[in-house]
């Protein structure tokens, strides 16, 4: 079984592109060591992330993430057990803010662009559905402000 955890948080200060790249690079390196995969989205001071792997590894990593002072309002959106990973080949997939902004241009563009994530399985488990619903919500909320 694969444990999946989805959370949302807000950065205390807007992050520059280099800051986000550094976070992603460190995450990639460290997550490989503990066999955790997932996806990180940063958009207008918000992080949305799915972590997946062995339960003890994911939960330990999540405790570290919650203690990170660069963000606040860390909210657990869901925990799931599933037979397979959504991101089996990515220690940490990352969607850049510019790419997220492009996703909001039409009603169907998010779904079309998600097809570019070739490693996402077509069988939709609850974590996958919730993750992308929340991602879409973040984009839509920010574009309507």
N, C-alpha and C. Protein backbone atom coordinates (compact mmCIF):
# COMPACT_ATOMS: atom_id res chain seq x y z
N UNK A 1 0.83 -1.20 0.00
CA UNK A 1 0.00 0.00 0.00
C UNK A 1 0.87 1.26 0.00
N UNK A 2 0.39 2.26 -0.68
CA UNK A 2 1.07 3.56 -0.75
C UNK A 2 0.24 4.57 0.04
N UNK A 3 0.90 5.28 0.93
CA UNK A 3 0.24 6.32 1.71
C UNK A 3 0.37 7.63 0.95
N UNK A 4 -0.74 8.33 0.79
CA UNK A 4 -0.74 9.62 0.11
C UNK A 4 -1.27 10.68 1.06
N UNK A 5 -0.62 11.83 1.07
CA UNK A 5 -1.01 12.94 1.92
C UNK A 5 -1.03 14.19 1.07
N UNK A 6 -2.08 14.96 1.19
CA UNK A 6 -2.21 16.22 0.44
C UNK A 6 -2.36 17.35 1.45
N UNK A 7 -1.60 18.41 1.24
CA UNK A 7 -1.73 19.57 2.12
C UNK A 7 -1.68 20.86 1.31
N UNK A 8 -2.17 21.90 1.94
CA UNK A 8 -2.16 23.25 1.39
C UNK A 8 -1.54 24.15 2.44
N UNK A 9 -0.73 25.12 2.01
CA UNK A 9 -0.16 26.08 2.96
C UNK A 9 0.01 27.43 2.27
N UNK A 10 0.31 28.42 3.09
CA UNK A 10 0.51 29.78 2.58
C UNK A 10 1.87 30.26 3.03
N UNK A 11 2.64 30.81 2.10
CA UNK A 11 3.95 31.34 2.47
C UNK A 11 3.77 32.66 3.20
N UNK A 12 4.68 32.92 4.11
CA UNK A 12 4.60 34.18 4.87
C UNK A 12 4.96 35.37 3.99
N UNK A 13 5.89 35.16 3.09
CA UNK A 13 6.32 36.19 2.14
C UNK A 13 6.26 35.59 0.74
N UNK A 14 6.00 36.41 -0.27
CA UNK A 14 6.06 35.87 -1.64
C UNK A 14 7.47 35.32 -1.91
N UNK A 15 7.54 34.19 -2.58
CA UNK A 15 8.83 33.59 -2.89
C UNK A 15 9.25 33.94 -4.30
N UNK A 16 10.53 34.17 -4.47
CA UNK A 16 11.06 34.39 -5.80
C UNK A 16 11.22 33.04 -6.49
N UNK A 17 11.32 33.08 -7.78
CA UNK A 17 11.45 31.85 -8.57
C UNK A 17 12.64 31.01 -8.10
N UNK A 18 13.76 31.68 -7.78
CA UNK A 18 14.94 30.94 -7.32
C UNK A 18 14.71 30.26 -5.97
N UNK A 19 13.94 30.91 -5.09
CA UNK A 19 13.61 30.31 -3.80
C UNK A 19 12.82 29.02 -3.99
N UNK A 20 11.84 29.08 -4.87
CA UNK A 20 10.99 27.92 -5.11
C UNK A 20 11.80 26.81 -5.77
N UNK A 21 12.68 27.18 -6.70
CA UNK A 21 13.54 26.17 -7.34
C UNK A 21 14.42 25.48 -6.31
N UNK A 22 14.96 26.26 -5.39
CA UNK A 22 15.82 25.69 -4.35
C UNK A 22 15.03 24.73 -3.46
N UNK A 23 13.82 25.12 -3.08
CA UNK A 23 12.97 24.24 -2.27
C UNK A 23 12.71 22.94 -3.02
N UNK A 24 12.39 23.07 -4.30
CA UNK A 24 12.12 21.88 -5.10
C UNK A 24 13.35 20.99 -5.24
N UNK A 25 14.52 21.59 -5.48
CA UNK A 25 15.75 20.81 -5.63
C UNK A 25 16.09 20.05 -4.36
N UNK A 26 15.96 20.73 -3.22
CA UNK A 26 16.23 20.07 -1.94
C UNK A 26 15.22 18.95 -1.71
N UNK A 27 13.95 19.23 -2.00
CA UNK A 27 12.91 18.21 -1.84
C UNK A 27 13.19 16.99 -2.69
N UNK A 28 13.56 17.23 -3.94
CA UNK A 28 13.88 16.11 -4.83
C UNK A 28 14.99 15.24 -4.26
N UNK A 29 16.06 15.87 -3.86
CA UNK A 29 17.21 15.13 -3.33
C UNK A 29 16.85 14.36 -2.06
N UNK A 30 16.19 15.02 -1.13
CA UNK A 30 15.87 14.39 0.14
C UNK A 30 14.77 13.33 0.00
N UNK A 31 13.80 13.59 -0.85
CA UNK A 31 12.72 12.63 -1.03
C UNK A 31 13.19 11.32 -1.66
N UNK A 32 14.17 11.41 -2.53
CA UNK A 32 14.73 10.19 -3.12
C UNK A 32 15.31 9.27 -2.04
N UNK A 33 15.92 9.88 -1.04
CA UNK A 33 16.54 9.10 0.03
C UNK A 33 15.52 8.28 0.81
N UNK A 34 14.30 8.78 0.91
CA UNK A 34 13.28 8.08 1.71
C UNK A 34 12.16 7.51 0.84
N UNK A 35 12.38 7.48 -0.47
CA UNK A 35 11.44 6.91 -1.43
C UNK A 35 10.05 7.56 -1.34
N UNK A 36 10.04 8.89 -1.28
CA UNK A 36 8.79 9.65 -1.31
C UNK A 36 8.72 10.36 -2.66
N UNK A 37 7.58 10.22 -3.32
CA UNK A 37 7.34 10.91 -4.59
C UNK A 37 6.19 11.88 -4.39
N UNK A 38 5.92 12.70 -5.42
CA UNK A 38 4.81 13.62 -5.31
C UNK A 38 4.88 14.75 -6.29
N UNK A 39 4.09 15.77 -6.02
CA UNK A 39 4.04 16.94 -6.87
C UNK A 39 3.86 18.17 -5.98
N UNK A 40 4.54 19.24 -6.34
CA UNK A 40 4.48 20.50 -5.61
C UNK A 40 4.03 21.59 -6.57
N UNK A 41 3.02 22.32 -6.16
CA UNK A 41 2.56 23.47 -6.93
C UNK A 41 2.71 24.70 -6.05
N UNK A 42 3.34 25.73 -6.59
CA UNK A 42 3.43 27.01 -5.89
C UNK A 42 2.75 28.04 -6.77
N UNK A 43 1.79 28.76 -6.18
CA UNK A 43 1.08 29.78 -6.94
C UNK A 43 0.62 30.88 -6.00
N UNK A 44 1.09 32.08 -6.21
CA UNK A 44 0.70 33.27 -5.47
C UNK A 44 0.62 33.02 -3.96
N UNK A 45 1.77 32.71 -3.41
CA UNK A 45 1.95 32.50 -1.97
C UNK A 45 1.28 31.25 -1.42
N UNK A 46 0.91 30.33 -2.27
CA UNK A 46 0.30 29.09 -1.79
C UNK A 46 1.07 27.88 -2.32
N UNK A 47 1.24 26.92 -1.43
CA UNK A 47 1.78 25.62 -1.82
C UNK A 47 0.65 24.60 -1.75
N UNK A 48 0.59 23.76 -2.74
CA UNK A 48 -0.27 22.60 -2.73
C UNK A 48 0.64 21.43 -3.06
N UNK A 49 0.62 20.42 -2.21
CA UNK A 49 1.54 19.32 -2.42
C UNK A 49 0.88 17.99 -2.10
N UNK A 50 1.22 17.01 -2.92
CA UNK A 50 0.87 15.63 -2.60
C UNK A 50 2.18 14.88 -2.37
N UNK A 51 2.20 14.14 -1.28
CA UNK A 51 3.34 13.29 -0.94
C UNK A 51 2.86 11.85 -0.96
N UNK A 52 3.69 10.96 -1.45
CA UNK A 52 3.29 9.55 -1.48
C UNK A 52 4.49 8.65 -1.24
N UNK A 53 4.24 7.59 -0.49
CA UNK A 53 5.29 6.63 -0.16
C UNK A 53 4.87 5.81 1.05
N UNK A 54 5.86 5.23 1.71
CA UNK A 54 5.58 4.48 2.93
C UNK A 54 5.03 5.44 3.98
N UNK A 55 4.04 5.00 4.72
CA UNK A 55 3.34 5.89 5.66
C UNK A 55 4.27 6.57 6.65
N UNK A 56 5.18 5.82 7.25
CA UNK A 56 6.07 6.43 8.24
C UNK A 56 6.95 7.50 7.61
N UNK A 57 7.42 7.28 6.39
CA UNK A 57 8.26 8.27 5.70
C UNK A 57 7.47 9.52 5.35
N UNK A 58 6.26 9.34 4.83
CA UNK A 58 5.43 10.48 4.44
C UNK A 58 5.05 11.31 5.66
N UNK A 59 4.63 10.64 6.72
CA UNK A 59 4.19 11.37 7.92
C UNK A 59 5.36 12.07 8.61
N UNK A 60 6.54 11.45 8.60
CA UNK A 60 7.72 12.09 9.17
C UNK A 60 8.09 13.34 8.38
N UNK A 61 8.06 13.23 7.06
CA UNK A 61 8.35 14.38 6.20
C UNK A 61 7.32 15.48 6.42
N UNK A 62 6.08 15.11 6.56
CA UNK A 62 5.02 16.10 6.76
C UNK A 62 5.21 16.86 8.07
N UNK A 63 5.65 16.18 9.11
CA UNK A 63 5.93 16.89 10.38
C UNK A 63 7.02 17.94 10.17
N UNK A 64 8.05 17.61 9.37
CA UNK A 64 9.11 18.59 9.08
C UNK A 64 8.57 19.76 8.28
N UNK A 65 7.73 19.45 7.31
CA UNK A 65 7.14 20.50 6.48
C UNK A 65 6.32 21.44 7.34
N UNK A 66 5.50 20.90 8.23
CA UNK A 66 4.66 21.74 9.09
C UNK A 66 5.48 22.63 10.01
N UNK A 67 6.68 22.19 10.36
CA UNK A 67 7.55 22.98 11.25
C UNK A 67 8.35 24.04 10.49
N UNK A 68 8.35 23.99 9.18
CA UNK A 68 9.10 24.94 8.36
C UNK A 68 8.50 26.33 8.51
N UNK A 69 9.30 27.28 8.93
CA UNK A 69 8.81 28.63 9.23
C UNK A 69 8.57 29.50 8.00
N UNK A 70 8.88 28.99 6.81
CA UNK A 70 8.65 29.79 5.61
C UNK A 70 7.18 29.84 5.21
N UNK A 71 6.37 28.99 5.83
CA UNK A 71 4.95 29.02 5.49
C UNK A 71 4.10 28.81 6.75
N UNK A 72 2.81 29.09 6.60
CA UNK A 72 1.87 28.96 7.71
C UNK A 72 0.57 28.39 7.18
N UNK A 73 -0.40 28.31 8.06
CA UNK A 73 -1.72 27.81 7.67
C UNK A 73 -1.62 26.48 6.94
N UNK A 74 -0.76 25.59 7.44
CA UNK A 74 -0.61 24.27 6.82
C UNK A 74 -1.87 23.47 7.15
N UNK A 75 -2.57 23.09 6.11
CA UNK A 75 -3.85 22.40 6.27
C UNK A 75 -3.81 21.05 5.57
N UNK A 76 -4.09 20.01 6.30
CA UNK A 76 -4.15 18.68 5.72
C UNK A 76 -5.47 18.56 4.96
N UNK A 77 -5.39 18.24 3.68
CA UNK A 77 -6.58 18.10 2.86
C UNK A 77 -7.04 16.65 2.78
N UNK A 78 -6.12 15.73 2.96
CA UNK A 78 -6.53 14.33 2.90
C UNK A 78 -5.37 13.38 3.08
N UNK A 79 -5.70 12.20 3.58
CA UNK A 79 -4.76 11.09 3.70
C UNK A 79 -5.46 9.88 3.10
N UNK A 80 -4.75 9.15 2.26
CA UNK A 80 -5.34 8.02 1.56
C UNK A 80 -4.36 6.86 1.49
N UNK A 81 -4.88 5.67 1.38
CA UNK A 81 -4.08 4.48 1.11
C UNK A 81 -4.51 3.97 -0.26
N UNK A 82 -3.54 3.65 -1.10
CA UNK A 82 -3.84 3.20 -2.45
C UNK A 82 -2.84 2.14 -2.88
N UNK A 83 -3.14 1.48 -3.97
CA UNK A 83 -2.27 0.42 -4.46
C UNK A 83 -1.06 0.95 -5.24
N UNK A 84 -1.18 2.15 -5.79
CA UNK A 84 -0.08 2.65 -6.62
C UNK A 84 0.06 4.16 -6.49
N UNK A 85 1.22 4.64 -6.88
CA UNK A 85 1.53 6.07 -6.82
C UNK A 85 0.95 6.80 -8.02
N UNK A 86 0.65 8.06 -7.83
CA UNK A 86 0.26 8.92 -8.94
C UNK A 86 1.51 9.39 -9.68
N UNK A 87 2.59 9.62 -8.94
CA UNK A 87 3.84 10.14 -9.49
C UNK A 87 4.99 9.16 -9.25
N UNK A 88 4.95 7.98 -9.84
CA UNK A 88 5.96 6.97 -9.52
C UNK A 88 7.37 7.32 -10.00
N UNK A 89 7.49 8.17 -10.98
CA UNK A 89 8.81 8.48 -11.56
C UNK A 89 9.36 9.82 -11.12
N UNK A 90 8.64 10.54 -10.28
CA UNK A 90 9.08 11.86 -9.86
C UNK A 90 9.31 11.88 -8.36
N UNK A 91 10.53 12.18 -7.96
CA UNK A 91 10.74 12.36 -6.53
C UNK A 91 10.01 13.62 -6.09
N UNK A 92 9.91 14.59 -6.99
CA UNK A 92 9.07 15.75 -6.72
C UNK A 92 8.82 16.50 -8.03
N UNK A 93 7.67 16.24 -8.61
CA UNK A 93 7.28 17.01 -9.79
C UNK A 93 7.01 18.43 -9.32
N UNK A 94 7.20 19.38 -10.21
CA UNK A 94 7.02 20.77 -9.82
C UNK A 94 6.37 21.54 -10.94
N UNK A 95 5.34 22.27 -10.62
CA UNK A 95 4.67 23.12 -11.58
C UNK A 95 5.01 24.56 -11.22
N UNK A 96 5.68 25.26 -12.13
CA UNK A 96 6.10 26.64 -11.89
C UNK A 96 4.90 27.59 -11.93
N UNK A 97 5.06 28.72 -11.26
CA UNK A 97 3.97 29.68 -11.18
C UNK A 97 3.51 30.13 -12.57
N UNK A 98 4.47 30.34 -13.49
CA UNK A 98 4.09 30.74 -14.85
C UNK A 98 3.23 29.66 -15.51
N UNK A 99 3.59 28.39 -15.28
CA UNK A 99 2.83 27.29 -15.87
C UNK A 99 1.44 27.19 -15.25
N UNK A 100 1.35 27.43 -13.94
CA UNK A 100 0.05 27.39 -13.28
C UNK A 100 -0.84 28.50 -13.83
N UNK A 101 -0.27 29.68 -14.02
CA UNK A 101 -1.05 30.80 -14.53
C UNK A 101 -1.62 30.47 -15.91
N UNK A 102 -0.85 29.78 -16.74
CA UNK A 102 -1.34 29.40 -18.06
C UNK A 102 -2.53 28.46 -17.97
N UNK A 103 -2.56 27.66 -16.92
CA UNK A 103 -3.63 26.67 -16.79
C UNK A 103 -5.00 27.30 -16.61
N UNK A 104 -5.06 28.55 -16.20
CA UNK A 104 -6.34 29.17 -15.88
C UNK A 104 -7.00 29.87 -17.07
N UNK A 105 -6.41 29.81 -18.25
CA UNK A 105 -6.91 30.64 -19.34
C UNK A 105 -8.27 30.22 -19.89
N UNK A 106 -8.63 28.95 -19.80
CA UNK A 106 -9.97 28.52 -20.23
C UNK A 106 -10.48 27.45 -19.30
N UNK A 107 -11.75 27.14 -19.43
CA UNK A 107 -12.40 26.15 -18.55
C UNK A 107 -11.73 24.79 -18.64
N UNK A 108 -11.33 24.37 -19.83
CA UNK A 108 -10.81 23.01 -20.01
C UNK A 108 -9.29 22.94 -20.05
N UNK A 109 -8.62 24.06 -19.99
CA UNK A 109 -7.17 24.05 -20.17
C UNK A 109 -6.45 23.27 -19.07
N UNK A 110 -6.95 23.31 -17.85
CA UNK A 110 -6.31 22.58 -16.77
C UNK A 110 -6.29 21.09 -17.09
N UNK A 111 -7.42 20.56 -17.49
CA UNK A 111 -7.48 19.13 -17.81
C UNK A 111 -6.56 18.81 -18.99
N UNK A 112 -6.53 19.67 -19.99
CA UNK A 112 -5.67 19.43 -21.14
C UNK A 112 -4.20 19.42 -20.74
N UNK A 113 -3.80 20.35 -19.91
CA UNK A 113 -2.41 20.42 -19.49
C UNK A 113 -2.04 19.28 -18.57
N UNK A 114 -2.99 18.80 -17.79
CA UNK A 114 -2.68 17.68 -16.91
C UNK A 114 -2.31 16.44 -17.71
N UNK A 115 -2.82 16.33 -18.92
CA UNK A 115 -2.45 15.20 -19.76
C UNK A 115 -0.97 15.22 -20.10
N UNK A 116 -0.34 16.39 -20.01
CA UNK A 116 1.10 16.48 -20.25
C UNK A 116 1.90 15.83 -19.13
N UNK A 117 1.27 15.63 -17.97
CA UNK A 117 1.92 14.90 -16.89
C UNK A 117 1.80 13.42 -17.21
N UNK A 118 2.70 12.93 -18.03
CA UNK A 118 2.54 11.59 -18.61
C UNK A 118 2.55 10.47 -17.59
N UNK A 119 3.06 10.72 -16.41
CA UNK A 119 3.15 9.64 -15.45
C UNK A 119 1.93 9.55 -14.54
N UNK A 120 1.00 10.46 -14.67
CA UNK A 120 -0.21 10.37 -13.86
C UNK A 120 -1.05 9.23 -14.40
N UNK A 121 -1.44 8.36 -13.52
CA UNK A 121 -2.21 7.20 -13.93
C UNK A 121 -3.62 7.62 -14.33
N UNK A 122 -4.19 6.88 -15.26
CA UNK A 122 -5.55 7.19 -15.68
C UNK A 122 -6.57 6.76 -14.65
N UNK A 123 -6.26 5.72 -13.86
CA UNK A 123 -7.21 5.33 -12.82
C UNK A 123 -7.15 6.39 -11.73
N UNK A 124 -8.27 7.00 -11.48
CA UNK A 124 -8.30 8.15 -10.58
C UNK A 124 -8.60 7.70 -9.17
N UNK A 125 -7.59 7.76 -8.31
CA UNK A 125 -7.84 7.44 -6.91
C UNK A 125 -8.25 8.72 -6.20
N UNK A 126 -8.78 8.61 -4.98
CA UNK A 126 -9.26 9.81 -4.28
C UNK A 126 -8.21 10.90 -4.11
N UNK A 127 -6.96 10.52 -3.86
CA UNK A 127 -5.92 11.53 -3.68
C UNK A 127 -5.69 12.31 -4.97
N UNK A 128 -5.66 11.61 -6.08
CA UNK A 128 -5.45 12.26 -7.37
C UNK A 128 -6.57 13.25 -7.67
N UNK A 129 -7.80 12.81 -7.48
CA UNK A 129 -8.93 13.69 -7.75
C UNK A 129 -8.90 14.93 -6.86
N UNK A 130 -8.70 14.72 -5.57
CA UNK A 130 -8.70 15.85 -4.63
C UNK A 130 -7.56 16.81 -4.93
N UNK A 131 -6.38 16.27 -5.23
CA UNK A 131 -5.22 17.11 -5.52
C UNK A 131 -5.51 18.04 -6.69
N UNK A 132 -6.02 17.49 -7.79
CA UNK A 132 -6.23 18.33 -8.98
C UNK A 132 -7.45 19.23 -8.84
N UNK A 133 -8.45 18.81 -8.08
CA UNK A 133 -9.58 19.70 -7.81
C UNK A 133 -9.09 20.91 -7.02
N UNK A 134 -8.27 20.67 -6.00
CA UNK A 134 -7.74 21.77 -5.20
C UNK A 134 -6.82 22.65 -6.04
N UNK A 135 -6.00 22.05 -6.90
CA UNK A 135 -5.11 22.84 -7.76
C UNK A 135 -5.94 23.76 -8.64
N UNK A 136 -6.98 23.21 -9.21
CA UNK A 136 -7.83 24.03 -10.07
C UNK A 136 -8.49 25.15 -9.26
N UNK A 137 -8.93 24.84 -8.06
CA UNK A 137 -9.56 25.84 -7.21
C UNK A 137 -8.62 26.99 -6.87
N UNK A 138 -7.37 26.67 -6.59
CA UNK A 138 -6.38 27.71 -6.30
C UNK A 138 -6.23 28.64 -7.48
N UNK A 139 -6.09 28.05 -8.67
CA UNK A 139 -5.92 28.85 -9.87
C UNK A 139 -7.15 29.71 -10.11
N UNK A 140 -8.33 29.12 -10.02
CA UNK A 140 -9.55 29.87 -10.30
C UNK A 140 -9.76 30.98 -9.27
N UNK A 141 -9.52 30.71 -8.00
CA UNK A 141 -9.68 31.73 -6.96
C UNK A 141 -8.75 32.91 -7.19
N UNK A 142 -7.53 32.64 -7.60
CA UNK A 142 -6.56 33.71 -7.80
C UNK A 142 -6.87 34.52 -9.06
N UNK A 143 -7.41 33.89 -10.09
CA UNK A 143 -7.65 34.62 -11.32
C UNK A 143 -8.92 35.46 -11.24
N UNK A 144 -9.80 35.16 -10.29
CA UNK A 144 -11.05 35.93 -10.16
C UNK A 144 -10.93 37.05 -9.15
N UNK A 145 -9.75 37.27 -8.58
CA UNK A 145 -9.58 38.35 -7.60
C UNK A 145 -9.30 39.66 -8.29
